[in-house]
PDB file of N, CA and C in Angstrom:
ATOM      1  N   MET A   1     228.902 254.834  76.492  1.00  0.00           N
ATOM      2  CA  MET A   1     230.028 253.981  76.167  1.00  0.00           C
ATOM      3  C   MET A   1     230.793 253.576  77.423  1.00  0.00           C
ATOM      4  N   GLU A   2     230.691 254.368  78.464  1.00  0.00           N
ATOM      5  CA  GLU A   2     231.413 254.070  79.711  1.00  0.00           C
ATOM      6  C   GLU A   2     231.051 252.679  80.233  1.00  0.00           C
ATOM      7  N   ASN A   3     229.760 252.360  80.260  1.00  0.00           N
ATOM      8  CA  ASN A   3     229.350 251.047  80.764  1.00  0.00           C
ATOM      9  C   ASN A   3     229.867 249.928  79.880  1.00  0.00           C
ATOM     10  N   THR A   4     229.836 250.138  78.563  1.00  0.00           N
ATOM     11  CA  THR A   4     230.327 249.118  77.645  1.00  0.00           C
ATOM     12  C   THR A   4     231.804 248.872  77.869  1.00  0.00           C
ATOM     13  N   LYS A   5     232.573 249.943  78.018  1.00  0.00           N
ATOM     14  CA  LYS A   5     234.014 249.817  78.245  1.00  0.00           C
ATOM     15  C   LYS A   5     234.274 249.047  79.522  1.00  0.00           C
ATOM     16  N   GLU A   6     233.601 249.429  80.587  1.00  0.00           N
ATOM     17  CA  GLU A   6     233.811 248.744  81.862  1.00  0.00           C
ATOM     18  C   GLU A   6     233.420 247.276  81.762  1.00  0.00           C
ATOM     19  N   THR A   7     232.336 247.006  81.081  1.00  0.00           N
ATOM     20  CA  THR A   7     231.852 245.635  80.955  1.00  0.00           C
ATOM     21  C   THR A   7     232.792 244.797  80.102  1.00  0.00           C
ATOM     22  N   ILE A   8     233.201 245.323  78.969  1.00  0.00           N
ATOM     23  CA  ILE A   8     234.050 244.550  78.063  1.00  0.00           C
ATOM     24  C   ILE A   8     235.432 244.321  78.676  1.00  0.00           C
ATOM     25  N   VAL A   9     235.970 245.317  79.342  1.00  0.00           N
ATOM     26  CA  VAL A   9     237.264 245.158  80.016  1.00  0.00           C
ATOM     27  C   VAL A   9     237.127 244.143  81.146  1.00  0.00           C
ATOM     28  N   ALA A  10     236.042 244.203  81.892  1.00  0.00           N
ATOM     29  CA  ALA A  10     235.815 243.245  82.981  1.00  0.00           C
ATOM     30  C   ALA A  10     235.714 241.823  82.440  1.00  0.00           C
ATOM     31  N   LYS A  11     235.061 241.652  81.314  1.00  0.00           N
ATOM     32  CA  LYS A  11     234.930 240.315  80.734  1.00  0.00           C
ATOM     33  C   LYS A  11     236.281 239.785  80.255  1.00  0.00           C
ATOM     34  N   ALA A  12     237.082 240.651  79.660  1.00  0.00           N
ATOM     35  CA  ALA A  12     238.421 240.236  79.229  1.00  0.00           C
ATOM     36  C   ALA A  12     239.284 239.888  80.444  1.00  0.00           C
ATOM     37  N   TYR A  13     239.181 240.695  81.482  1.00  0.00           N
ATOM     38  CA  TYR A  13     239.929 240.444  82.721  1.00  0.00           C
ATOM     39  C   TYR A  13     239.504 239.106  83.333  1.00  0.00           C
ATOM     40  N   ASP A  14     238.189 238.869  83.406  1.00  0.00           N
ATOM     41  CA  ASP A  14     237.685 237.618  83.984  1.00  0.00           C
ATOM     42  C   ASP A  14     238.142 236.404  83.179  1.00  0.00           C
ATOM     43  N   LEU A  15     238.159 236.537  81.859  1.00  0.00           N
ATOM     44  CA  LEU A  15     238.619 235.430  81.025  1.00  0.00           C
ATOM     45  C   LEU A  15     240.092 235.132  81.301  1.00  0.00           C
ATOM     46  N   LEU A  16     240.902 236.165  81.405  1.00  0.00           N
ATOM     47  CA  LEU A  16     242.320 235.978  81.724  1.00  0.00           C
ATOM     48  C   LEU A  16     242.476 235.325  83.098  1.00  0.00           C
ATOM     49  N   LYS A  17     241.760 235.849  84.081  1.00  0.00           N
ATOM     50  CA  LYS A  17     241.838 235.318  85.449  1.00  0.00           C
ATOM     51  C   LYS A  17     241.399 233.852  85.499  1.00  0.00           C
ATOM     52  N   HIS A  18     240.369 233.518  84.752  1.00  0.00           N
ATOM     53  CA  HIS A  18     239.826 232.159  84.724  1.00  0.00           C
ATOM     54  C   HIS A  18     240.770 231.196  83.995  1.00  0.00           C
ATOM     55  N   THR A  19     241.485 231.707  83.011  1.00  0.00           N
ATOM     56  CA  THR A  19     242.326 230.858  82.169  1.00  0.00           C
ATOM     57  C   THR A  19     243.674 230.525  82.805  1.00  0.00           C
ATOM     58  N   LEU A  20     244.209 231.430  83.602  1.00  0.00           N
ATOM     59  CA  LEU A  20     245.553 231.228  84.161  1.00  0.00           C
ATOM     60  C   LEU A  20     245.715 229.907  84.920  1.00  0.00           C
ATOM     61  N   PRO A  21     244.788 229.546  85.829  1.00  0.00           N
ATOM     62  CA  PRO A  21     244.975 228.265  86.529  1.00  0.00           C
ATOM     63  C   PRO A  21     244.866 227.058  85.598  1.00  0.00           C
ATOM     64  N   ILE A  22     244.117 227.200  84.532  1.00  0.00           N
ATOM     65  CA  ILE A  22     243.978 226.095  83.577  1.00  0.00           C
ATOM     66  C   ILE A  22     245.294 225.896  82.833  1.00  0.00           C
ATOM     67  N   ILE A  23     245.915 227.007  82.442  1.00  0.00           N
ATOM     68  CA  ILE A  23     247.207 226.928  81.757  1.00  0.00           C
ATOM     69  C   ILE A  23     248.258 226.298  82.674  1.00  0.00           C
ATOM     70  N   GLU A  24     248.182 226.604  83.958  1.00  0.00           N
ATOM     71  CA  GLU A  24     249.137 226.021  84.909  1.00  0.00           C
ATOM     72  C   GLU A  24     249.042 224.499  84.942  1.00  0.00           C
ATOM     73  N   GLY A  25     247.881 223.968  84.559  1.00  0.00           N
ATOM     74  CA  GLY A  25     247.697 222.522  84.520  1.00  0.00           C
ATOM     75  C   GLY A  25     248.148 221.872  83.225  1.00  0.00           C
ATOM     76  N   PHE A  26     248.574 222.669  82.250  1.00  0.00           N
ATOM     77  CA  PHE A  26     249.079 222.104  80.997  1.00  0.00           C
ATOM     78  C   PHE A  26     250.346 221.295  81.283  1.00  0.00           C
ATOM     79  N   PRO A  27     250.613 220.283  80.470  1.00  0.00           N
ATOM     80  CA  PRO A  27     251.898 219.588  80.603  1.00  0.00           C
ATOM     81  C   PRO A  27     253.050 220.577  80.399  1.00  0.00           C
ATOM     82  N   ARG A  28     254.155 220.313  81.046  1.00  0.00           N
ATOM     83  CA  ARG A  28     255.302 221.229  80.986  1.00  0.00           C
ATOM     84  C   ARG A  28     255.690 221.577  79.545  1.00  0.00           C
ATOM     85  N   SER A  29     255.627 220.602  78.664  1.00  0.00           N
ATOM     86  CA  SER A  29     256.027 220.835  77.274  1.00  0.00           C
ATOM     87  C   SER A  29     255.107 221.830  76.566  1.00  0.00           C
ATOM     88  N   GLN A  30     253.886 221.978  77.039  1.00  0.00           N
ATOM     89  CA  GLN A  30     252.927 222.888  76.411  1.00  0.00           C
ATOM     90  C   GLN A  30     252.695 224.161  77.217  1.00  0.00           C
ATOM     91  N   LYS A  31     252.977 224.101  78.508  1.00  0.00           N
ATOM     92  CA  LYS A  31     252.744 225.255  79.384  1.00  0.00           C
ATOM     93  C   LYS A  31     253.554 226.461  78.929  1.00  0.00           C
ATOM     94  N   PHE A  32     254.762 226.215  78.469  1.00  0.00           N
ATOM     95  CA  PHE A  32     255.653 227.315  78.114  1.00  0.00           C
ATOM     96  C   PHE A  32     255.665 227.604  76.615  1.00  0.00           C
ATOM     97  N   THR A  33     254.792 226.954  75.878  1.00  0.00           N
ATOM     98  CA  THR A  33     254.644 227.251  74.450  1.00  0.00           C
ATOM     99  C   THR A  33     253.209 227.707  74.209  1.00  0.00           C
ATOM    100  N   LEU A  34     252.306 226.760  74.061  1.00  0.00           N
ATOM    101  CA  LEU A  34     250.907 227.107  73.821  1.00  0.00           C
ATOM    102  C   LEU A  34     250.321 227.882  74.996  1.00  0.00           C
ATOM    103  N   GLY A  35     250.628 227.457  76.199  1.00  0.00           N
ATOM    104  CA  GLY A  35     250.113 228.152  77.383  1.00  0.00           C
ATOM    105  C   GLY A  35     250.553 229.603  77.430  1.00  0.00           C
ATOM    106  N   ASP A  36     251.819 229.843  77.151  1.00  0.00           N
ATOM    107  CA  ASP A  36     252.317 231.224  77.131  1.00  0.00           C
ATOM    108  C   ASP A  36     251.671 232.045  76.024  1.00  0.00           C
ATOM    109  N   ARG A  37     251.463 231.417  74.870  1.00  0.00           N
ATOM    110  CA  ARG A  37     250.821 232.145  73.760  1.00  0.00           C
ATOM    111  C   ARG A  37     249.410 232.580  74.161  1.00  0.00           C
ATOM    112  N   ILE A  38     248.662 231.676  74.763  1.00  0.00           N
ATOM    113  CA  ILE A  38     247.302 232.012  75.190  1.00  0.00           C
ATOM    114  C   ILE A  38     247.343 233.121  76.236  1.00  0.00           C
ATOM    115  N   GLN A  39     248.188 232.956  77.235  1.00  0.00           N
ATOM    116  CA  GLN A  39     248.282 233.959  78.301  1.00  0.00           C
ATOM    117  C   GLN A  39     248.697 235.316  77.740  1.00  0.00           C
ATOM    118  N   ASN A  40     249.685 235.345  76.864  1.00  0.00           N
ATOM    119  CA  ASN A  40     250.139 236.611  76.287  1.00  0.00           C
ATOM    120  C   ASN A  40     249.068 237.257  75.418  1.00  0.00           C
ATOM    121  N   HIS A  41     248.361 236.456  74.630  1.00  0.00           N
ATOM    122  CA  HIS A  41     247.300 237.012  73.785  1.00  0.00           C
ATOM    123  C   HIS A  41     246.152 237.556  74.638  1.00  0.00           C
ATOM    124  N   LEU A  42     245.813 236.865  75.719  1.00  0.00           N
ATOM    125  CA  LEU A  42     244.758 237.370  76.601  1.00  0.00           C
ATOM    126  C   LEU A  42     245.188 238.664  77.286  1.00  0.00           C
ATOM    127  N   SER A  43     246.441 238.732  77.696  1.00  0.00           N
ATOM    128  CA  SER A  43     246.957 239.973  78.295  1.00  0.00           C
ATOM    129  C   SER A  43     246.946 241.100  77.270  1.00  0.00           C
ATOM    130  N   ASP A  44     247.361 240.788  76.043  1.00  0.00           N
ATOM    131  CA  ASP A  44     247.322 241.784  74.963  1.00  0.00           C
ATOM    132  C   ASP A  44     245.899 242.266  74.721  1.00  0.00           C
ATOM    133  N   LEU A  45     244.952 241.328  74.722  1.00  0.00           N
ATOM    134  CA  LEU A  45     243.550 241.686  74.505  1.00  0.00           C
ATOM    135  C   LEU A  45     243.081 242.684  75.552  1.00  0.00           C
ATOM    136  N   LEU A  46     243.365 242.412  76.798  1.00  0.00           N
ATOM    137  CA  LEU A  46     242.979 243.309  77.885  1.00  0.00           C
ATOM    138  C   LEU A  46     243.612 244.685  77.691  1.00  0.00           C
ATOM    139  N   GLU A  47     244.893 244.715  77.389  1.00  0.00           N
ATOM    140  CA  GLU A  47     245.590 245.987  77.178  1.00  0.00           C
ATOM    141  C   GLU A  47     245.018 246.749  75.987  1.00  0.00           C
ATOM    142  N   MET A  48     244.718 246.035  74.914  1.00  0.00           N
ATOM    143  CA  MET A  48     244.197 246.680  73.706  1.00  0.00           C
ATOM    144  C   MET A  48     242.820 247.298  73.953  1.00  0.00           C
ATOM    145  N   LEU A  49     241.994 246.620  74.740  1.00  0.00           N
ATOM    146  CA  LEU A  49     240.664 247.155  75.043  1.00  0.00           C
ATOM    147  C   LEU A  49     240.764 248.412  75.901  1.00  0.00           C
ATOM    148  N   ILE A  50     241.654 248.396  76.863  1.00  0.00           N
ATOM    149  CA  ILE A  50     241.843 249.585  77.703  1.00  0.00           C
ATOM    150  C   ILE A  50     242.364 250.738  76.856  1.00  0.00           C
ATOM    151  N   GLU A  51     243.334 250.453  75.987  1.00  0.00           N
ATOM    152  CA  GLU A  51     243.871 251.488  75.092  1.00  0.00           C
ATOM    153  C   GLU A  51     242.789 252.070  74.202  1.00  0.00           C
ATOM    154  N   ALA A  52     241.965 251.197  73.627  1.00  0.00           N
ATOM    155  CA  ALA A  52     240.929 251.654  72.695  1.00  0.00           C
ATOM    156  C   ALA A  52     239.997 252.655  73.357  1.00  0.00           C
ATOM    157  N   TYR A  53     239.711 252.442  74.612  1.00  0.00           N
ATOM    158  CA  TYR A  53     238.817 253.357  75.312  1.00  0.00           C
ATOM    159  C   TYR A  53     239.396 254.767  75.377  1.00  0.00           C
ATOM    160  N   TYR A  54     240.680 254.874  75.560  1.00  0.00           N
ATOM    161  CA  TYR A  54     241.306 256.179  75.756  1.00  0.00           C
ATOM    162  C   TYR A  54     241.806 256.830  74.466  1.00  0.00           C
ATOM    163  N   LEU A  55     241.719 256.127  73.367  1.00  0.00           N
ATOM    164  CA  LEU A  55     242.157 256.707  72.099  1.00  0.00           C
ATOM    165  C   LEU A  55     241.179 257.772  71.616  1.00  0.00           C
ATOM    166  N   PRO A  56     241.649 258.724  70.817  1.00  0.00           N
ATOM    167  CA  PRO A  56     240.735 259.677  70.191  1.00  0.00           C
ATOM    168  C   PRO A  56     239.759 258.923  69.284  1.00  0.00           C
ATOM    169  N   ALA A  57     238.599 259.496  69.090  1.00  0.00           N
ATOM    170  CA  ALA A  57     237.535 258.832  68.329  1.00  0.00           C
ATOM    171  C   ALA A  57     238.012 258.326  66.970  1.00  0.00           C
ATOM    172  N   ALA A  58     238.826 259.099  66.286  1.00  0.00           N
ATOM    173  CA  ALA A  58     239.280 258.723  64.946  1.00  0.00           C
ATOM    174  C   ALA A  58     240.171 257.481  64.960  1.00  0.00           C
ATOM    175  N   GLU A  59     240.762 257.175  66.090  1.00  0.00           N
ATOM    176  CA  GLU A  59     241.689 256.039  66.178  1.00  0.00           C
ATOM    177  C   GLU A  59     241.059 254.791  66.793  1.00  0.00           C
ATOM    178  N   LYS A  60     239.841 254.906  67.278  1.00  0.00           N
ATOM    179  CA  LYS A  60     239.200 253.767  67.951  1.00  0.00           C
ATOM    180  C   LYS A  60     238.899 252.620  66.990  1.00  0.00           C
ATOM    181  N   ARG A  61     238.338 252.934  65.827  1.00  0.00           N
ATOM    182  CA  ARG A  61     237.938 251.878  64.888  1.00  0.00           C
ATOM    183  C   ARG A  61     239.123 250.978  64.498  1.00  0.00           C
ATOM    184  N   PRO A  62     240.252 251.535  64.040  1.00  0.00           N
ATOM    185  CA  PRO A  62     241.375 250.646  63.700  1.00  0.00           C
ATOM    186  C   PRO A  62     241.868 249.831  64.904  1.00  0.00           C
ATOM    187  N   ALA A  63     241.844 250.430  66.077  1.00  0.00           N
ATOM    188  CA  ALA A  63     242.280 249.710  67.281  1.00  0.00           C
ATOM    189  C   ALA A  63     241.336 248.546  67.577  1.00  0.00           C
ATOM    190  N   LEU A  64     240.046 248.772  67.433  1.00  0.00           N
ATOM    191  CA  LEU A  64     239.071 247.715  67.707  1.00  0.00           C
ATOM    192  C   LEU A  64     239.112 246.631  66.639  1.00  0.00           C
ATOM    193  N   GLN A  65     239.456 246.996  65.415  1.00  0.00           N
ATOM    194  CA  GLN A  65     239.623 245.975  64.376  1.00  0.00           C
ATOM    195  C   GLN A  65     240.811 245.069  64.710  1.00  0.00           C
ATOM    196  N   LYS A  66     241.844 245.632  65.307  1.00  0.00           N
ATOM    197  CA  LYS A  66     242.976 244.814  65.760  1.00  0.00           C
ATOM    198  C   LYS A  66     242.560 243.903  66.918  1.00  0.00           C
ATOM    199  N   VAL A  67     241.658 244.397  67.753  1.00  0.00           N
ATOM    200  CA  VAL A  67     241.123 243.564  68.836  1.00  0.00           C
ATOM    201  C   VAL A  67     240.406 242.357  68.241  1.00  0.00           C
ATOM    202  N   ASN A  68     239.641 242.573  67.171  1.00  0.00           N
ATOM    203  CA  ASN A  68     238.946 241.461  66.514  1.00  0.00           C
ATOM    204  C   ASN A  68     239.930 240.418  65.994  1.00  0.00           C
ATOM    205  N   ILE A  69     241.041 240.867  65.458  1.00  0.00           N
ATOM    206  CA  ILE A  69     242.064 239.933  64.980  1.00  0.00           C
ATOM    207  C   ILE A  69     242.631 239.137  66.154  1.00  0.00           C
ATOM    208  N   LYS A  70     242.893 239.807  67.252  1.00  0.00           N
ATOM    209  CA  LYS A  70     243.424 239.136  68.449  1.00  0.00           C
ATOM    210  C   LYS A  70     242.423 238.086  68.950  1.00  0.00           C
ATOM    211  N   LEU A  71     241.137 238.413  68.915  1.00  0.00           N
ATOM    212  CA  LEU A  71     240.109 237.452  69.329  1.00  0.00           C
ATOM    213  C   LEU A  71     240.120 236.218  68.433  1.00  0.00           C
ATOM    214  N   GLU A  72     240.269 236.432  67.136  1.00  0.00           N
ATOM    215  CA  GLU A  72     240.294 235.299  66.206  1.00  0.00           C
ATOM    216  C   GLU A  72     241.517 234.416  66.460  1.00  0.00           C
ATOM    217  N   GLN A  73     242.651 235.029  66.724  1.00  0.00           N
ATOM    218  CA  GLN A  73     243.850 234.257  67.051  1.00  0.00           C
ATOM    219  C   GLN A  73     243.623 233.430  68.315  1.00  0.00           C
ATOM    220  N   LEU A  74     242.994 234.032  69.301  1.00  0.00           N
ATOM    221  CA  LEU A  74     242.709 233.313  70.545  1.00  0.00           C
ATOM    222  C   LEU A  74     241.785 232.128  70.313  1.00  0.00           C
ATOM    223  N   ARG A  75     240.806 232.301  69.437  1.00  0.00           N
ATOM    224  CA  ARG A  75     239.902 231.185  69.135  1.00  0.00           C
ATOM    225  C   ARG A  75     240.699 229.972  68.657  1.00  0.00           C
ATOM    226  N   TYR A  76     241.673 230.216  67.805  1.00  0.00           N
ATOM    227  CA  TYR A  76     242.481 229.113  67.291  1.00  0.00           C
ATOM    228  C   TYR A  76     243.390 228.520  68.359  1.00  0.00           C
ATOM    229  N   PHE A  77     243.953 229.347  69.204  1.00  0.00           N
ATOM    230  CA  PHE A  77     244.808 228.819  70.269  1.00  0.00           C
ATOM    231  C   PHE A  77     243.997 227.975  71.255  1.00  0.00           C
ATOM    232  N   PHE A  78     242.796 228.441  71.609  1.00  0.00           N
ATOM    233  CA  PHE A  78     241.953 227.648  72.507  1.00  0.00           C
ATOM    234  C   PHE A  78     241.534 226.341  71.838  1.00  0.00           C
ATOM    235  N   ARG A  79     241.248 226.406  70.548  1.00  0.00           N
ATOM    236  CA  ARG A  79     240.880 225.194  69.822  1.00  0.00           C
ATOM    237  C   ARG A  79     242.047 224.207  69.807  1.00  0.00           C
ATOM    238  N   LEU A  80     243.247 224.716  69.607  1.00  0.00           N
ATOM    239  CA  LEU A  80     244.426 223.857  69.609  1.00  0.00           C
ATOM    240  C   LEU A  80     244.614 223.196  70.978  1.00  0.00           C
ATOM    241  N   GLY A  81     244.390 223.953  72.035  1.00  0.00           N
ATOM    242  CA  GLY A  81     244.475 223.380  73.379  1.00  0.00           C
ATOM    243  C   GLY A  81     243.478 222.252  73.573  1.00  0.00           C
ATOM    244  N   PHE A  82     242.283 222.427  73.039  1.00  0.00           N
ATOM    245  CA  PHE A  82     241.267 221.378  73.120  1.00  0.00           C
ATOM    246  C   PHE A  82     241.682 220.169  72.283  1.00  0.00           C
ATOM    247  N   ASP A  83     242.123 220.432  71.049  1.00  0.00           N
ATOM    248  CA  ASP A  83     242.535 219.334  70.171  1.00  0.00           C
ATOM    249  C   ASP A  83     243.708 218.548  70.749  1.00  0.00           C
ATOM    250  N   ARG A  84     244.543 219.200  71.529  1.00  0.00           N
ATOM    251  CA  ARG A  84     245.685 218.529  72.163  1.00  0.00           C
ATOM    252  C   ARG A  84     245.284 217.840  73.466  1.00  0.00           C
ATOM    253  N   GLY A  85     244.026 217.981  73.874  1.00  0.00           N
ATOM    254  CA  GLY A  85     243.529 217.288  75.056  1.00  0.00           C
ATOM    255  C   GLY A  85     243.859 217.959  76.379  1.00  0.00           C
ATOM    256  N   HIS A  86     244.122 219.265  76.348  1.00  0.00           N
ATOM    257  CA  HIS A  86     244.480 219.971  77.581  1.00  0.00           C
ATOM    258  C   HIS A  86     243.264 220.345  78.420  1.00  0.00           C
ATOM    259  N   TYR A  87     242.080 220.288  77.840  1.00  0.00           N
ATOM    260  CA  TYR A  87     240.840 220.503  78.582  1.00  0.00           C
ATOM    261  C   TYR A  87     239.709 219.844  77.810  1.00  0.00           C
ATOM    262  N   ASN A  88     238.598 219.632  78.504  1.00  0.00           N
ATOM    263  CA  ASN A  88     237.474 218.914  77.912  1.00  0.00           C
ATOM    264  C   ASN A  88     236.585 219.849  77.088  1.00  0.00           C
ATOM    265  N   SER A  89     235.584 219.264  76.447  1.00  0.00           N
ATOM    266  CA  SER A  89     234.713 220.038  75.555  1.00  0.00           C
ATOM    267  C   SER A  89     233.878 221.062  76.317  1.00  0.00           C
ATOM    268  N   ILE A  90     233.539 220.775  77.554  1.00  0.00           N
ATOM    269  CA  ILE A  90     232.764 221.737  78.345  1.00  0.00           C
ATOM    270  C   ILE A  90     233.583 223.004  78.566  1.00  0.00           C
ATOM    271  N   ARG A  91     234.816 222.826  78.953  1.00  0.00           N
ATOM    272  CA  ARG A  91     235.698 223.978  79.181  1.00  0.00           C
ATOM    273  C   ARG A  91     235.958 224.719  77.861  1.00  0.00           C
ATOM    274  N   TYR A  92     236.180 223.974  76.780  1.00  0.00           N
ATOM    275  CA  TYR A  92     236.413 224.597  75.473  1.00  0.00           C
ATOM    276  C   TYR A  92     235.202 225.432  75.058  1.00  0.00           C
ATOM    277  N   ASN A  93     234.008 224.891  75.246  1.00  0.00           N
ATOM    278  CA  ASN A  93     232.791 225.635  74.902  1.00  0.00           C
ATOM    279  C   ASN A  93     232.658 226.889  75.755  1.00  0.00           C
ATOM    280  N   GLU A  94     233.069 226.810  76.999  1.00  0.00           N
ATOM    281  CA  GLU A  94     233.038 227.986  77.866  1.00  0.00           C
ATOM    282  C   GLU A  94     233.979 229.068  77.326  1.00  0.00           C
ATOM    283  N   PHE A  95     235.187 228.668  76.939  1.00  0.00           N
ATOM    284  CA  PHE A  95     236.126 229.630  76.348  1.00  0.00           C
ATOM    285  C   PHE A  95     235.519 230.256  75.094  1.00  0.00           C
ATOM    286  N   ALA A  96     234.958 229.403  74.234  1.00  0.00           N
ATOM    287  CA  ALA A  96     234.388 229.886  72.973  1.00  0.00           C
ATOM    288  C   ALA A  96     233.250 230.871  73.227  1.00  0.00           C
ATOM    289  N   GLN A  97     232.390 230.570  74.189  1.00  0.00           N
ATOM    290  CA  GLN A  97     231.277 231.468  74.506  1.00  0.00           C
ATOM    291  C   GLN A  97     231.772 232.804  75.036  1.00  0.00           C
ATOM    292  N   ARG A  98     232.773 232.769  75.890  1.00  0.00           N
ATOM    293  CA  ARG A  98     233.314 234.023  76.438  1.00  0.00           C
ATOM    294  C   ARG A  98     233.950 234.868  75.335  1.00  0.00           C
ATOM    295  N   LEU A  99     234.712 234.224  74.451  1.00  0.00           N
ATOM    296  CA  LEU A  99     235.322 234.965  73.344  1.00  0.00           C
ATOM    297  C   LEU A  99     234.261 235.528  72.408  1.00  0.00           C
ATOM    298  N   ASP A 100     233.229 234.740  72.125  1.00  0.00           N
ATOM    299  CA  ASP A 100     232.147 235.216  71.260  1.00  0.00           C
ATOM    300  C   ASP A 100     231.430 236.408  71.878  1.00  0.00           C
ATOM    301  N   GLU A 101     231.209 236.358  73.175  1.00  0.00           N
ATOM    302  CA  GLU A 101     230.545 237.472  73.853  1.00  0.00           C
ATOM    303  C   GLU A 101     231.383 238.746  73.759  1.00  0.00           C
ATOM    304  N   ILE A 102     232.673 238.620  74.011  1.00  0.00           N
ATOM    305  CA  ILE A 102     233.556 239.780  73.890  1.00  0.00           C
ATOM    306  C   ILE A 102     233.558 240.269  72.445  1.00  0.00           C
ATOM    307  N   GLY A 103     233.585 239.345  71.499  1.00  0.00           N
ATOM    308  CA  GLY A 103     233.555 239.709  70.082  1.00  0.00           C
ATOM    309  C   GLY A 103     232.297 240.468  69.701  1.00  0.00           C
ATOM    310  N   ARG A 104     231.153 240.030  70.214  1.00  0.00           N
ATOM    311  CA  ARG A 104     229.897 240.748  69.932  1.00  0.00           C
ATOM    312  C   ARG A 104     229.939 242.154  70.519  1.00  0.00           C
ATOM    313  N   MET A 105     230.509 242.269  71.699  1.00  0.00           N
ATOM    314  CA  MET A 105     230.600 243.588  72.331  1.00  0.00           C
ATOM    315  C   MET A 105     231.532 244.509  71.545  1.00  0.00           C
ATOM    316  N   VAL A 106     232.636 243.969  71.065  1.00  0.00           N
ATOM    317  CA  VAL A 106     233.555 244.766  70.244  1.00  0.00           C
ATOM    318  C   VAL A 106     232.853 245.181  68.953  1.00  0.00           C
ATOM    319  N   GLY A 107     232.118 244.260  68.348  1.00  0.00           N
ATOM    320  CA  GLY A 107     231.362 244.588  67.137  1.00  0.00           C
ATOM    321  C   GLY A 107     230.362 245.702  67.380  1.00  0.00           C
ATOM    322  N   GLY A 108     229.668 245.648  68.506  1.00  0.00           N
ATOM    323  CA  GLY A 108     228.727 246.713  68.856  1.00  0.00           C
ATOM    324  C   GLY A 108     229.429 248.035  69.079  1.00  0.00           C
ATOM    325  N   TRP A 109     230.598 247.987  69.685  1.00  0.00           N
ATOM    326  CA  TRP A 109     231.381 249.198  69.926  1.00  0.00           C
ATOM    327  C   TRP A 109     231.800 249.810  68.590  1.00  0.00           C
ATOM    328  N   ILE A 110     232.231 248.964  67.654  1.00  0.00           N
ATOM    329  CA  ILE A 110     232.627 249.455  66.329  1.00  0.00           C
ATOM    330  C   ILE A 110     231.435 250.098  65.630  1.00  0.00           C
ATOM    331  N   LYS A 111     230.280 249.438  65.684  1.00  0.00           N
ATOM    332  CA  LYS A 111     229.080 249.994  65.032  1.00  0.00           C
ATOM    333  C   LYS A 111     228.675 251.324  65.642  1.00  0.00           C
ATOM    334  N   SER A 112     228.888 251.473  66.937  1.00  0.00           N
ATOM    335  CA  SER A 112     228.496 252.723  67.600  1.00  0.00           C
ATOM    336  C   SER A 112     229.379 253.895  67.178  1.00  0.00           C
ATOM    337  N   LEU A 113     230.505 253.617  66.548  1.00  0.00           N
ATOM    338  CA  LEU A 113     231.425 254.673  66.132  1.00  0.00           C
ATOM    339  C   LEU A 113     231.028 255.307  64.802  1.00  0.00           C
ATOM    340  N   LYS A 114     230.063 254.740  64.109  1.00  0.00           N
ATOM    341  CA  LYS A 114     229.650 255.275  62.803  1.00  0.00           C
ATOM    342  C   LYS A 114     228.901 256.571  62.950  1.00  0.00           C
TER     343      LYS A 114
END
């Protein structure tokens, strides 16, 4: 599980790092609303994944289920950013692929807890 934790946390960190400069390019009216929501949710995601690793085994599953909810919320926020024209379809697809990859890893982590 150590490798999975390191990998999933690294992917969440990379997504946050990659997204920050894009949010900075949002129009001022959206940078401090939608942009902040995306940034805060990505930061929460990273924190939640780190927490899940250190939780006792009995508490990991509920924590990871909350991570799945956070991922779903992020999918909608990224979609809204695309629908508002803040980035092109290539960038949106990149966000979607990264979120899906993290989601698959979280799903695998949950299954490994059975």
